[in-house]
């Protein structure tokens, strides 16, 4: 069980992130400030689910249409956010599904989490990448999915490496069994949010390399 102070911090930060995501979603879907690239309508609110106020501030300065004259770092930050959003969506769905179904691999829940998180993150990542890369390049379904898989596999893997490394620390060092945190606690999701921020950082160099090689198109 998480200490009380950690639960309080977790609940506060989770509520803040939900609020920031709601503000961005309201601005996009209610106020009508839709993104030129449709998939980004989902990316910005999802990014706020783990970056909170930083994501809201970035959206207001560099993501809110109309946007002109963005610096290189802001374009890359948007690119990495796009990659991270598919990962985050897959990770969240996987974590709840594995917990709800009590799935394990070789008797270990963490094994199922690693496999499930990666598979779903890859699936959602490719879908997100498809809706970015196919319209820009005028590709059909098959060619678009191939290009999306090529563009997203490396960057997504680097995102998950950062997240999984942090998960190993809080599962086996900070909160080892029998005190292991579970997805039904706020503290668990605060730690997952930290892991997502770490994953964002570890995937940044991969995204820079992919953009420099023309495999990805800067947002």
N, C-alpha and C. Protein backbone atom coordinates (compact mmCIF):
# COMPACT_ATOMS: atom_id res chain seq x y z
N UNK A 1 0.84 -1.20 0.00
CA UNK A 1 0.00 0.00 0.00
C UNK A 1 0.88 1.25 0.00
N UNK A 2 0.50 2.24 -0.80
CA UNK A 2 1.28 3.46 -0.91
C UNK A 2 1.15 4.30 0.35
N UNK A 3 2.22 4.99 0.76
CA UNK A 3 2.11 5.90 1.90
C UNK A 3 1.10 7.01 1.60
N UNK A 4 0.52 7.56 2.66
CA UNK A 4 -0.54 8.55 2.50
C UNK A 4 -0.08 9.76 1.70
N UNK A 5 1.14 10.23 1.98
CA UNK A 5 1.63 11.43 1.29
C UNK A 5 1.73 11.21 -0.22
N UNK A 6 2.12 9.99 -0.61
CA UNK A 6 2.25 9.69 -2.03
C UNK A 6 0.88 9.64 -2.69
N UNK A 7 -0.10 9.09 -1.99
CA UNK A 7 -1.46 9.05 -2.52
C UNK A 7 -2.02 10.45 -2.71
N UNK A 8 -1.75 11.33 -1.74
CA UNK A 8 -2.23 12.72 -1.83
C UNK A 8 -1.58 13.41 -3.03
N UNK A 9 -0.26 13.26 -3.16
CA UNK A 9 0.44 13.86 -4.30
C UNK A 9 -0.09 13.30 -5.61
N UNK A 10 -0.31 11.98 -5.65
CA UNK A 10 -0.80 11.33 -6.86
C UNK A 10 -2.18 11.84 -7.25
N UNK A 11 -3.08 11.92 -6.29
CA UNK A 11 -4.44 12.39 -6.57
C UNK A 11 -4.43 13.83 -7.05
N UNK A 12 -3.58 14.64 -6.43
CA UNK A 12 -3.49 16.06 -6.82
C UNK A 12 -2.97 16.20 -8.24
N UNK A 13 -1.90 15.46 -8.56
CA UNK A 13 -1.32 15.58 -9.89
C UNK A 13 -2.23 14.98 -10.95
N UNK A 14 -2.86 13.85 -10.64
CA UNK A 14 -3.79 13.24 -11.60
C UNK A 14 -4.94 14.18 -11.90
N UNK A 15 -5.49 14.82 -10.86
CA UNK A 15 -6.59 15.76 -11.06
C UNK A 15 -6.14 16.95 -11.91
N UNK A 16 -4.91 17.41 -11.66
CA UNK A 16 -4.36 18.53 -12.44
C UNK A 16 -4.22 18.14 -13.90
N UNK A 17 -3.72 16.93 -14.15
CA UNK A 17 -3.55 16.46 -15.53
C UNK A 17 -4.89 16.31 -16.23
N UNK A 18 -5.87 15.74 -15.54
CA UNK A 18 -7.21 15.62 -16.13
C UNK A 18 -7.76 17.00 -16.47
N UNK A 19 -7.55 17.96 -15.57
CA UNK A 19 -8.03 19.32 -15.82
C UNK A 19 -7.36 19.94 -17.04
N UNK A 20 -6.04 19.78 -17.15
CA UNK A 20 -5.32 20.32 -18.30
C UNK A 20 -5.78 19.68 -19.61
N UNK A 21 -5.97 18.35 -19.58
CA UNK A 21 -6.45 17.65 -20.78
C UNK A 21 -7.85 18.13 -21.16
N UNK A 22 -8.69 18.38 -20.14
CA UNK A 22 -10.05 18.85 -20.40
C UNK A 22 -10.05 20.24 -21.03
N UNK A 23 -9.15 21.12 -20.56
CA UNK A 23 -9.05 22.47 -21.13
C UNK A 23 -8.66 22.40 -22.61
N UNK A 24 -7.67 21.56 -22.91
CA UNK A 24 -7.23 21.43 -24.30
C UNK A 24 -8.35 20.83 -25.16
N UNK A 25 -9.00 19.78 -24.65
CA UNK A 25 -10.08 19.15 -25.40
C UNK A 25 -11.23 20.12 -25.64
N UNK A 26 -11.55 20.94 -24.65
CA UNK A 26 -12.60 21.94 -24.81
C UNK A 26 -12.22 22.94 -25.91
N UNK A 27 -10.97 23.38 -25.88
CA UNK A 27 -10.52 24.35 -26.86
C UNK A 27 -10.58 23.78 -28.27
N UNK A 28 -10.27 22.50 -28.40
CA UNK A 28 -10.25 21.86 -29.72
C UNK A 28 -11.65 21.52 -30.20
N UNK A 29 -12.42 20.83 -29.36
CA UNK A 29 -13.67 20.25 -29.83
C UNK A 29 -14.90 21.13 -29.60
N UNK A 30 -14.84 22.01 -28.61
CA UNK A 30 -15.99 22.88 -28.33
C UNK A 30 -15.76 24.27 -28.90
N UNK A 31 -14.59 24.84 -28.60
CA UNK A 31 -14.28 26.17 -29.14
C UNK A 31 -13.96 26.12 -30.63
N UNK A 32 -13.72 24.92 -31.15
CA UNK A 32 -13.58 24.76 -32.60
C UNK A 32 -12.20 25.00 -33.16
N UNK A 33 -11.16 24.96 -32.31
CA UNK A 33 -9.80 25.17 -32.80
C UNK A 33 -9.19 23.83 -33.19
N UNK A 34 -9.71 23.23 -34.25
CA UNK A 34 -9.25 21.92 -34.71
C UNK A 34 -7.85 22.03 -35.31
N UNK A 35 -7.11 20.95 -35.17
CA UNK A 35 -5.76 20.89 -35.71
C UNK A 35 -5.80 20.64 -37.22
N UNK A 36 -4.86 21.22 -37.96
CA UNK A 36 -4.79 20.94 -39.40
C UNK A 36 -4.63 19.45 -39.69
N UNK A 37 -3.86 18.76 -38.83
CA UNK A 37 -3.70 17.31 -38.95
C UNK A 37 -4.61 16.67 -37.91
N UNK A 38 -5.63 15.95 -38.37
CA UNK A 38 -6.69 15.47 -37.49
C UNK A 38 -6.22 14.69 -36.27
N UNK A 39 -5.19 13.85 -36.42
CA UNK A 39 -4.76 13.01 -35.31
C UNK A 39 -4.25 13.83 -34.13
N UNK A 40 -3.79 15.07 -34.41
CA UNK A 40 -3.27 15.92 -33.34
C UNK A 40 -4.38 16.40 -32.41
N UNK A 41 -5.64 16.31 -32.85
CA UNK A 41 -6.74 16.64 -31.95
C UNK A 41 -6.78 15.71 -30.74
N UNK A 42 -6.28 14.49 -30.91
CA UNK A 42 -6.18 13.54 -29.80
C UNK A 42 -4.84 13.63 -29.10
N UNK A 43 -3.78 13.94 -29.84
CA UNK A 43 -2.42 13.94 -29.29
C UNK A 43 -2.26 14.95 -28.16
N UNK A 44 -2.72 16.17 -28.36
CA UNK A 44 -2.49 17.20 -27.35
C UNK A 44 -3.19 16.89 -26.01
N UNK A 45 -4.47 16.48 -26.00
CA UNK A 45 -5.08 16.11 -24.71
C UNK A 45 -4.42 14.90 -24.06
N UNK A 46 -4.02 13.91 -24.86
CA UNK A 46 -3.38 12.72 -24.30
C UNK A 46 -2.04 13.10 -23.67
N UNK A 47 -1.28 13.96 -24.32
CA UNK A 47 0.00 14.38 -23.77
C UNK A 47 -0.19 15.08 -22.43
N UNK A 48 -1.27 15.85 -22.30
CA UNK A 48 -1.55 16.52 -21.02
C UNK A 48 -1.87 15.54 -19.90
N UNK A 49 -2.24 14.31 -20.26
CA UNK A 49 -2.57 13.32 -19.24
C UNK A 49 -1.36 12.88 -18.44
N UNK A 50 -0.15 13.16 -18.94
CA UNK A 50 1.03 12.84 -18.14
C UNK A 50 1.97 14.03 -17.95
N UNK A 51 1.93 15.01 -18.86
CA UNK A 51 2.76 16.20 -18.70
C UNK A 51 2.02 17.34 -17.99
N UNK A 52 0.72 17.25 -17.89
CA UNK A 52 -0.06 18.21 -17.13
C UNK A 52 0.11 19.65 -17.58
N UNK A 53 0.42 20.57 -16.65
CA UNK A 53 0.54 22.00 -16.96
C UNK A 53 1.57 22.30 -18.05
N UNK A 54 2.65 21.53 -18.13
CA UNK A 54 3.65 21.76 -19.17
C UNK A 54 3.04 21.54 -20.56
N UNK A 55 2.22 20.50 -20.68
CA UNK A 55 1.57 20.22 -21.97
C UNK A 55 0.58 21.32 -22.32
N UNK A 56 -0.16 21.80 -21.32
CA UNK A 56 -1.12 22.87 -21.56
C UNK A 56 -0.41 24.15 -22.01
N UNK A 57 0.69 24.49 -21.33
CA UNK A 57 1.45 25.69 -21.70
C UNK A 57 2.02 25.55 -23.12
N UNK A 58 2.53 24.36 -23.45
CA UNK A 58 3.08 24.15 -24.79
C UNK A 58 1.98 24.27 -25.84
N UNK A 59 0.84 23.65 -25.57
CA UNK A 59 -0.27 23.72 -26.53
C UNK A 59 -0.68 25.17 -26.76
N UNK A 60 -0.79 25.94 -25.70
CA UNK A 60 -1.26 27.31 -25.82
C UNK A 60 -0.28 28.18 -26.61
N UNK A 61 1.01 27.86 -26.49
CA UNK A 61 2.01 28.67 -27.19
C UNK A 61 2.34 28.15 -28.58
N UNK A 62 2.45 26.82 -28.72
CA UNK A 62 2.96 26.27 -29.97
C UNK A 62 2.01 25.30 -30.68
N UNK A 63 0.89 24.95 -30.05
CA UNK A 63 0.00 23.97 -30.68
C UNK A 63 -1.37 24.50 -31.03
N UNK A 64 -1.73 25.64 -30.48
CA UNK A 64 -3.08 26.18 -30.67
C UNK A 64 -3.17 26.92 -32.01
N UNK A 65 -4.03 26.47 -32.93
CA UNK A 65 -4.12 27.13 -34.23
C UNK A 65 -4.62 28.58 -34.09
N UNK A 66 -4.14 29.46 -34.97
CA UNK A 66 -3.12 29.21 -36.00
C UNK A 66 -1.71 29.36 -35.41
N UNK A 67 -0.82 28.48 -35.84
CA UNK A 67 0.56 28.49 -35.34
C UNK A 67 1.50 28.81 -36.50
N UNK A 68 2.37 29.78 -36.29
CA UNK A 68 3.35 30.13 -37.32
C UNK A 68 4.72 30.30 -36.68
N UNK A 69 5.74 29.99 -37.45
CA UNK A 69 7.11 30.25 -37.01
C UNK A 69 7.57 29.45 -35.81
N UNK A 70 7.16 28.18 -35.75
CA UNK A 70 7.61 27.36 -34.62
C UNK A 70 9.09 27.05 -34.73
N UNK A 71 9.84 27.14 -33.63
CA UNK A 71 11.26 26.77 -33.67
C UNK A 71 11.42 25.26 -33.82
N UNK A 72 12.64 24.85 -34.15
CA UNK A 72 12.92 23.43 -34.38
C UNK A 72 12.55 22.58 -33.17
N UNK A 73 12.90 23.04 -31.97
CA UNK A 73 12.65 22.24 -30.78
C UNK A 73 11.15 22.04 -30.56
N UNK A 74 10.33 23.03 -30.91
CA UNK A 74 8.88 22.90 -30.74
C UNK A 74 8.30 21.89 -31.74
N UNK A 75 8.86 21.88 -32.97
CA UNK A 75 8.42 20.88 -33.94
C UNK A 75 8.79 19.47 -33.47
N UNK A 76 10.01 19.33 -32.91
CA UNK A 76 10.40 18.01 -32.41
C UNK A 76 9.59 17.60 -31.19
N UNK A 77 9.28 18.56 -30.32
CA UNK A 77 8.46 18.24 -29.16
C UNK A 77 7.09 17.75 -29.59
N UNK A 78 6.54 18.35 -30.63
CA UNK A 78 5.25 17.90 -31.16
C UNK A 78 5.38 16.50 -31.77
N UNK A 79 6.48 16.27 -32.47
CA UNK A 79 6.73 14.96 -33.07
C UNK A 79 6.80 13.87 -32.00
N UNK A 80 7.55 14.14 -30.93
CA UNK A 80 7.70 13.16 -29.86
C UNK A 80 6.37 12.97 -29.12
N UNK A 81 5.60 14.04 -28.96
CA UNK A 81 4.28 13.93 -28.34
C UNK A 81 3.36 13.03 -29.15
N UNK A 82 3.45 13.16 -30.47
CA UNK A 82 2.65 12.32 -31.36
C UNK A 82 3.01 10.85 -31.18
N UNK A 83 4.31 10.56 -31.14
CA UNK A 83 4.78 9.20 -30.90
C UNK A 83 4.34 8.70 -29.53
N UNK A 84 4.51 9.54 -28.52
CA UNK A 84 4.19 9.15 -27.15
C UNK A 84 2.72 8.90 -26.92
N UNK A 85 1.86 9.60 -27.64
CA UNK A 85 0.41 9.46 -27.40
C UNK A 85 -0.09 8.05 -27.73
N UNK A 86 0.40 7.49 -28.83
CA UNK A 86 0.02 6.11 -29.16
C UNK A 86 0.52 5.14 -28.11
N UNK A 87 1.74 5.37 -27.64
CA UNK A 87 2.31 4.53 -26.59
C UNK A 87 1.48 4.60 -25.32
N UNK A 88 1.17 5.82 -24.91
CA UNK A 88 0.44 6.03 -23.66
C UNK A 88 -0.94 5.38 -23.73
N UNK A 89 -1.64 5.57 -24.84
CA UNK A 89 -2.98 4.99 -24.98
C UNK A 89 -2.91 3.47 -24.89
N UNK A 90 -1.94 2.87 -25.57
CA UNK A 90 -1.78 1.41 -25.51
C UNK A 90 -1.40 0.93 -24.13
N UNK A 91 -0.51 1.66 -23.46
CA UNK A 91 -0.08 1.27 -22.12
C UNK A 91 -1.24 1.31 -21.13
N UNK A 92 -2.04 2.36 -21.17
CA UNK A 92 -3.15 2.50 -20.22
C UNK A 92 -4.18 1.40 -20.42
N UNK A 93 -4.56 1.15 -21.67
CA UNK A 93 -5.55 0.10 -21.94
C UNK A 93 -5.00 -1.26 -21.52
N UNK A 94 -3.74 -1.52 -21.84
CA UNK A 94 -3.12 -2.80 -21.48
C UNK A 94 -3.08 -3.00 -19.98
N UNK A 95 -2.66 -1.96 -19.25
CA UNK A 95 -2.53 -2.08 -17.79
C UNK A 95 -3.88 -2.42 -17.15
N UNK A 96 -4.94 -1.75 -17.55
CA UNK A 96 -6.26 -2.02 -16.97
C UNK A 96 -6.77 -3.40 -17.38
N UNK A 97 -6.52 -3.79 -18.64
CA UNK A 97 -6.98 -5.10 -19.10
C UNK A 97 -6.28 -6.23 -18.37
N UNK A 98 -4.97 -6.11 -18.22
CA UNK A 98 -4.20 -7.16 -17.55
C UNK A 98 -4.59 -7.26 -16.08
N UNK A 99 -4.79 -6.10 -15.45
CA UNK A 99 -5.21 -6.10 -14.05
C UNK A 99 -6.61 -6.69 -13.89
N UNK A 100 -7.53 -6.27 -14.76
CA UNK A 100 -8.90 -6.75 -14.65
C UNK A 100 -9.04 -8.23 -14.93
N UNK A 101 -8.23 -8.74 -15.87
CA UNK A 101 -8.31 -10.16 -16.24
C UNK A 101 -7.33 -11.02 -15.46
N UNK A 102 -6.51 -10.39 -14.59
CA UNK A 102 -5.52 -11.10 -13.78
C UNK A 102 -4.58 -11.95 -14.64
N UNK A 103 -4.10 -11.38 -15.72
CA UNK A 103 -3.23 -12.11 -16.64
C UNK A 103 -1.80 -12.15 -16.11
N UNK A 104 -1.12 -13.24 -16.38
CA UNK A 104 0.28 -13.39 -16.01
C UNK A 104 1.03 -14.14 -17.11
N UNK A 105 2.35 -14.03 -17.08
CA UNK A 105 3.22 -14.85 -17.93
C UNK A 105 4.20 -15.53 -17.01
N UNK A 106 4.20 -16.87 -17.03
CA UNK A 106 5.04 -17.66 -16.12
C UNK A 106 4.77 -17.27 -14.67
N UNK A 107 3.50 -16.96 -14.38
CA UNK A 107 3.11 -16.62 -13.03
C UNK A 107 3.42 -15.20 -12.60
N UNK A 108 3.99 -14.39 -13.51
CA UNK A 108 4.40 -13.03 -13.16
C UNK A 108 3.50 -12.01 -13.87
N UNK A 109 2.90 -11.12 -13.09
CA UNK A 109 2.07 -10.07 -13.66
C UNK A 109 2.90 -9.10 -14.48
N UNK A 110 4.11 -8.79 -13.99
CA UNK A 110 4.94 -7.82 -14.70
C UNK A 110 5.30 -8.29 -16.11
N UNK A 111 5.44 -9.62 -16.28
CA UNK A 111 5.73 -10.15 -17.61
C UNK A 111 4.59 -9.87 -18.57
N UNK A 112 3.36 -10.08 -18.10
CA UNK A 112 2.19 -9.80 -18.93
C UNK A 112 2.08 -8.31 -19.22
N UNK A 113 2.44 -7.48 -18.23
CA UNK A 113 2.38 -6.03 -18.44
C UNK A 113 3.37 -5.60 -19.51
N UNK A 114 4.59 -6.10 -19.44
CA UNK A 114 5.59 -5.71 -20.42
C UNK A 114 5.17 -6.11 -21.83
N UNK A 115 4.71 -7.33 -21.98
CA UNK A 115 4.31 -7.81 -23.31
C UNK A 115 3.06 -7.08 -23.80
N UNK A 116 2.05 -7.03 -22.94
CA UNK A 116 0.80 -6.38 -23.32
C UNK A 116 0.98 -4.90 -23.61
N UNK A 117 1.75 -4.21 -22.77
CA UNK A 117 1.98 -2.78 -22.99
C UNK A 117 2.68 -2.54 -24.32
N UNK A 118 3.70 -3.34 -24.60
CA UNK A 118 4.46 -3.12 -25.83
C UNK A 118 3.60 -3.40 -27.07
N UNK A 119 2.88 -4.50 -27.04
CA UNK A 119 2.07 -4.88 -28.21
C UNK A 119 1.00 -3.83 -28.50
N UNK A 120 0.27 -3.41 -27.45
CA UNK A 120 -0.79 -2.43 -27.67
C UNK A 120 -0.22 -1.05 -28.00
N UNK A 121 0.90 -0.70 -27.36
CA UNK A 121 1.55 0.57 -27.68
C UNK A 121 1.97 0.60 -29.15
N UNK A 122 2.52 -0.51 -29.63
CA UNK A 122 2.94 -0.59 -31.03
C UNK A 122 1.74 -0.48 -31.96
N UNK A 123 0.65 -1.16 -31.60
CA UNK A 123 -0.55 -1.12 -32.44
C UNK A 123 -1.12 0.30 -32.53
N UNK A 124 -1.29 0.94 -31.37
CA UNK A 124 -1.83 2.30 -31.38
C UNK A 124 -0.83 3.29 -32.00
N UNK A 125 0.45 3.06 -31.75
CA UNK A 125 1.47 3.94 -32.33
C UNK A 125 1.43 3.92 -33.84
N UNK A 126 1.28 2.73 -34.42
CA UNK A 126 1.23 2.62 -35.89
C UNK A 126 -0.03 3.31 -36.42
N UNK A 127 -1.15 3.14 -35.72
CA UNK A 127 -2.39 3.79 -36.15
C UNK A 127 -2.22 5.31 -36.12
N UNK A 128 -1.67 5.84 -35.02
CA UNK A 128 -1.45 7.28 -34.92
C UNK A 128 -0.51 7.75 -36.01
N UNK A 129 0.54 6.98 -36.26
CA UNK A 129 1.51 7.38 -37.28
C UNK A 129 0.88 7.32 -38.67
N UNK A 130 0.02 6.33 -38.89
CA UNK A 130 -0.64 6.21 -40.20
C UNK A 130 -1.44 7.47 -40.52
N UNK A 131 -2.21 7.95 -39.53
CA UNK A 131 -3.05 9.11 -39.78
C UNK A 131 -2.25 10.41 -39.87
N UNK A 132 -0.95 10.33 -39.58
CA UNK A 132 -0.09 11.48 -39.80
C UNK A 132 0.64 11.37 -41.13
N UNK A 133 1.19 10.19 -41.40
CA UNK A 133 2.10 10.05 -42.54
C UNK A 133 1.36 9.78 -43.86
N UNK A 134 0.26 9.05 -43.80
CA UNK A 134 -0.47 8.72 -45.02
C UNK A 134 -1.04 9.97 -45.70
N UNK A 135 -1.72 10.87 -44.97
CA UNK A 135 -2.24 12.07 -45.65
C UNK A 135 -1.14 12.97 -46.20
N UNK A 136 -0.02 13.10 -45.47
CA UNK A 136 1.06 13.98 -45.93
C UNK A 136 1.73 13.45 -47.18
N UNK A 137 1.80 12.13 -47.31
CA UNK A 137 2.48 11.52 -48.47
C UNK A 137 1.52 11.01 -49.52
N UNK A 138 0.21 11.12 -49.26
CA UNK A 138 -0.78 10.65 -50.22
C UNK A 138 -0.75 9.15 -50.42
N UNK A 139 -0.56 8.38 -49.35
CA UNK A 139 -0.42 6.92 -49.44
C UNK A 139 -1.76 6.23 -49.20
N UNK A 140 -1.92 5.07 -49.84
CA UNK A 140 -3.08 4.23 -49.59
C UNK A 140 -2.92 3.47 -48.29
N UNK A 141 -3.91 2.61 -48.00
CA UNK A 141 -3.92 1.91 -46.72
C UNK A 141 -2.69 1.04 -46.51
N UNK A 142 -2.40 0.16 -47.45
CA UNK A 142 -1.29 -0.78 -47.29
C UNK A 142 0.05 -0.06 -47.21
N UNK A 143 0.30 0.83 -48.16
CA UNK A 143 1.56 1.57 -48.17
C UNK A 143 1.66 2.49 -46.95
N UNK A 144 0.53 3.06 -46.55
CA UNK A 144 0.53 3.94 -45.39
C UNK A 144 0.86 3.20 -44.12
N UNK A 145 0.32 1.99 -43.95
CA UNK A 145 0.61 1.19 -42.76
C UNK A 145 2.07 0.75 -42.72
N UNK A 146 2.62 0.40 -43.89
CA UNK A 146 4.03 0.02 -43.96
C UNK A 146 4.93 1.19 -43.57
N UNK A 147 4.63 2.35 -44.12
CA UNK A 147 5.42 3.54 -43.80
C UNK A 147 5.27 3.90 -42.33
N UNK A 148 4.07 3.75 -41.80
CA UNK A 148 3.83 4.07 -40.40
C UNK A 148 4.60 3.12 -39.48
N UNK A 149 4.59 1.83 -39.82
CA UNK A 149 5.33 0.86 -39.01
C UNK A 149 6.82 1.13 -39.04
N UNK A 150 7.33 1.47 -40.21
CA UNK A 150 8.76 1.78 -40.35
C UNK A 150 9.12 3.02 -39.54
N UNK A 151 8.26 4.02 -39.56
CA UNK A 151 8.54 5.27 -38.87
C UNK A 151 8.39 5.14 -37.36
N UNK A 152 7.46 4.30 -36.92
CA UNK A 152 7.11 4.30 -35.49
C UNK A 152 7.82 3.24 -34.68
N UNK A 153 8.28 2.17 -35.31
CA UNK A 153 8.83 1.05 -34.53
C UNK A 153 10.01 1.48 -33.67
N UNK A 154 10.95 2.22 -34.24
CA UNK A 154 12.15 2.59 -33.48
C UNK A 154 11.82 3.59 -32.38
N UNK A 155 11.09 4.64 -32.73
CA UNK A 155 10.79 5.67 -31.73
C UNK A 155 9.92 5.12 -30.61
N UNK A 156 8.95 4.28 -30.96
CA UNK A 156 8.09 3.66 -29.94
C UNK A 156 8.89 2.75 -29.03
N UNK A 157 9.80 1.98 -29.61
CA UNK A 157 10.61 1.09 -28.79
C UNK A 157 11.45 1.86 -27.79
N UNK A 158 12.01 2.98 -28.21
CA UNK A 158 12.80 3.80 -27.29
C UNK A 158 11.92 4.41 -26.19
N UNK A 159 10.69 4.76 -26.53
CA UNK A 159 9.75 5.26 -25.52
C UNK A 159 9.49 4.18 -24.47
N UNK A 160 9.22 2.97 -24.94
CA UNK A 160 8.90 1.88 -24.01
C UNK A 160 10.12 1.46 -23.20
N UNK A 161 11.31 1.57 -23.76
CA UNK A 161 12.53 1.25 -23.00
C UNK A 161 12.63 2.16 -21.77
N UNK A 162 12.39 3.45 -21.97
CA UNK A 162 12.43 4.37 -20.84
C UNK A 162 11.36 4.06 -19.82
N UNK A 163 10.14 3.83 -20.29
CA UNK A 163 9.03 3.52 -19.39
C UNK A 163 9.27 2.21 -18.66
N UNK A 164 9.67 1.16 -19.39
CA UNK A 164 9.86 -0.15 -18.77
C UNK A 164 11.01 -0.15 -17.76
N UNK A 165 12.05 0.63 -18.06
CA UNK A 165 13.15 0.72 -17.10
C UNK A 165 12.68 1.31 -15.78
N UNK A 166 11.88 2.36 -15.86
CA UNK A 166 11.34 2.98 -14.65
C UNK A 166 10.36 2.04 -13.95
N UNK A 167 9.53 1.32 -14.72
CA UNK A 167 8.60 0.36 -14.12
C UNK A 167 9.35 -0.70 -13.32
N UNK A 168 10.49 -1.15 -13.85
CA UNK A 168 11.29 -2.14 -13.12
C UNK A 168 11.78 -1.57 -11.80
N UNK A 169 12.14 -0.30 -11.79
CA UNK A 169 12.63 0.33 -10.55
C UNK A 169 11.52 0.40 -9.51
N UNK A 170 10.33 0.87 -9.91
CA UNK A 170 9.31 0.99 -8.87
C UNK A 170 8.64 -0.34 -8.52
N UNK A 171 8.71 -1.32 -9.43
CA UNK A 171 8.15 -2.63 -9.10
C UNK A 171 9.06 -3.47 -8.21
N UNK A 172 10.37 -3.39 -8.47
CA UNK A 172 11.30 -4.29 -7.78
C UNK A 172 12.18 -3.61 -6.74
N UNK A 173 12.25 -2.28 -6.76
CA UNK A 173 13.10 -1.57 -5.81
C UNK A 173 12.28 -0.72 -4.85
N UNK A 174 11.45 0.16 -5.39
CA UNK A 174 10.69 1.07 -4.54
C UNK A 174 9.51 0.39 -3.84
N UNK A 175 8.79 -0.45 -4.59
CA UNK A 175 7.62 -1.13 -4.03
C UNK A 175 7.62 -2.60 -4.43
N UNK A 176 8.58 -3.37 -3.92
CA UNK A 176 8.64 -4.80 -4.28
C UNK A 176 7.52 -5.58 -3.60
N UNK A 177 7.21 -6.76 -4.12
CA UNK A 177 6.22 -7.64 -3.50
C UNK A 177 6.67 -7.96 -2.07
N UNK A 178 5.77 -8.05 -1.11
CA UNK A 178 4.30 -8.02 -1.24
C UNK A 178 3.70 -6.62 -1.15
N UNK A 179 4.52 -5.59 -1.27
CA UNK A 179 4.02 -4.21 -1.16
C UNK A 179 3.84 -3.57 -2.53
N UNK A 180 3.79 -4.38 -3.56
CA UNK A 180 3.73 -3.87 -4.92
C UNK A 180 2.44 -3.10 -5.16
N UNK A 181 2.57 -1.94 -5.82
CA UNK A 181 1.40 -1.14 -6.16
C UNK A 181 0.66 -1.75 -7.34
N UNK A 182 -0.64 -1.51 -7.40
CA UNK A 182 -1.47 -2.06 -8.47
C UNK A 182 -2.19 -0.93 -9.20
N UNK A 183 -2.68 -1.20 -10.42
CA UNK A 183 -3.33 -0.16 -11.22
C UNK A 183 -4.63 0.40 -10.64
N UNK A 184 -5.09 -0.13 -9.51
CA UNK A 184 -6.29 0.44 -8.89
C UNK A 184 -5.94 1.51 -7.86
N UNK A 185 -4.67 1.93 -7.82
CA UNK A 185 -4.25 2.97 -6.88
C UNK A 185 -3.75 4.20 -7.63
N UNK A 186 -4.01 5.38 -7.07
CA UNK A 186 -3.56 6.62 -7.69
C UNK A 186 -2.03 6.68 -7.74
N UNK A 187 -1.38 6.16 -6.69
CA UNK A 187 0.09 6.20 -6.65
C UNK A 187 0.70 5.44 -7.81
N UNK A 188 0.09 4.33 -8.19
CA UNK A 188 0.59 3.55 -9.33
C UNK A 188 0.62 4.41 -10.59
N UNK A 189 -0.46 5.16 -10.80
CA UNK A 189 -0.54 5.94 -12.03
C UNK A 189 0.34 7.18 -11.99
N UNK A 190 0.61 7.70 -10.81
CA UNK A 190 1.60 8.78 -10.72
C UNK A 190 2.97 8.27 -11.15
N UNK A 191 3.33 7.08 -10.68
CA UNK A 191 4.61 6.49 -11.06
C UNK A 191 4.64 6.16 -12.56
N UNK A 192 3.50 5.73 -13.09
CA UNK A 192 3.44 5.48 -14.53
C UNK A 192 3.59 6.78 -15.32
N UNK A 193 3.02 7.87 -14.81
CA UNK A 193 3.19 9.16 -15.47
C UNK A 193 4.66 9.57 -15.50
N UNK A 194 5.36 9.34 -14.40
CA UNK A 194 6.80 9.63 -14.37
C UNK A 194 7.51 8.79 -15.43
N UNK A 195 7.13 7.52 -15.52
CA UNK A 195 7.72 6.65 -16.54
C UNK A 195 7.44 7.13 -17.95
N UNK A 196 6.24 7.68 -18.17
CA UNK A 196 5.91 8.19 -19.50
C UNK A 196 6.75 9.41 -19.85
N UNK A 197 7.01 10.26 -18.86
CA UNK A 197 7.89 11.42 -19.08
C UNK A 197 9.30 10.93 -19.42
N UNK A 198 9.77 9.91 -18.70
CA UNK A 198 11.08 9.33 -19.00
C UNK A 198 11.09 8.74 -20.40
N UNK A 199 10.01 8.03 -20.77
CA UNK A 199 9.90 7.47 -22.12
C UNK A 199 9.93 8.56 -23.18
N UNK A 200 9.28 9.67 -22.91
CA UNK A 200 9.31 10.81 -23.82
C UNK A 200 10.76 11.26 -24.06
N UNK A 201 11.52 11.33 -22.97
CA UNK A 201 12.92 11.77 -23.07
C UNK A 201 13.78 10.77 -23.84
N UNK A 202 13.59 9.46 -23.58
CA UNK A 202 14.41 8.46 -24.24
C UNK A 202 14.05 8.30 -25.72
N UNK A 203 12.82 8.69 -26.10
CA UNK A 203 12.44 8.57 -27.51
C UNK A 203 12.81 9.81 -28.32
N UNK A 204 13.17 10.90 -27.65
CA UNK A 204 13.51 12.14 -28.37
C UNK A 204 14.67 11.93 -29.35
N UNK A 205 15.82 11.36 -28.93
CA UNK A 205 16.92 11.17 -29.89
C UNK A 205 16.54 10.29 -31.07
N UNK A 206 15.73 9.27 -30.82
CA UNK A 206 15.30 8.40 -31.92
C UNK A 206 14.45 9.17 -32.92
N UNK A 207 13.58 10.04 -32.43
CA UNK A 207 12.75 10.84 -33.33
C UNK A 207 13.59 11.83 -34.13
N UNK A 208 14.59 12.42 -33.49
CA UNK A 208 15.48 13.33 -34.20
C UNK A 208 16.19 12.60 -35.34
N UNK A 209 16.66 11.40 -35.06
CA UNK A 209 17.36 10.60 -36.08
C UNK A 209 16.42 10.23 -37.22
N UNK A 210 15.19 9.83 -36.89
CA UNK A 210 14.22 9.44 -37.91
C UNK A 210 13.84 10.62 -38.80
N UNK A 211 13.69 11.78 -38.20
CA UNK A 211 13.37 12.98 -38.99
C UNK A 211 14.55 13.36 -39.88
N UNK A 212 15.76 13.27 -39.34
CA UNK A 212 16.95 13.64 -40.12
C UNK A 212 17.15 12.71 -41.31
N UNK A 213 16.68 11.45 -41.19
CA UNK A 213 16.80 10.50 -42.30
C UNK A 213 15.61 10.56 -43.26
N UNK A 214 14.64 11.39 -42.95
CA UNK A 214 13.46 11.49 -43.82
C UNK A 214 12.45 10.37 -43.63
N UNK A 215 12.66 9.54 -42.61
CA UNK A 215 11.73 8.45 -42.35
C UNK A 215 10.46 8.99 -41.71
N UNK A 216 10.62 10.02 -40.87
CA UNK A 216 9.50 10.74 -40.30
C UNK A 216 9.48 12.16 -40.86
N UNK A 217 8.29 12.73 -40.89
CA UNK A 217 8.13 14.10 -41.34
C UNK A 217 7.88 14.98 -40.12
N UNK A 218 8.65 16.04 -39.91
CA UNK A 218 8.45 16.88 -38.72
C UNK A 218 7.05 17.49 -38.70
N UNK A 219 6.45 17.51 -37.52
CA UNK A 219 5.09 18.01 -37.37
C UNK A 219 5.08 19.55 -37.46
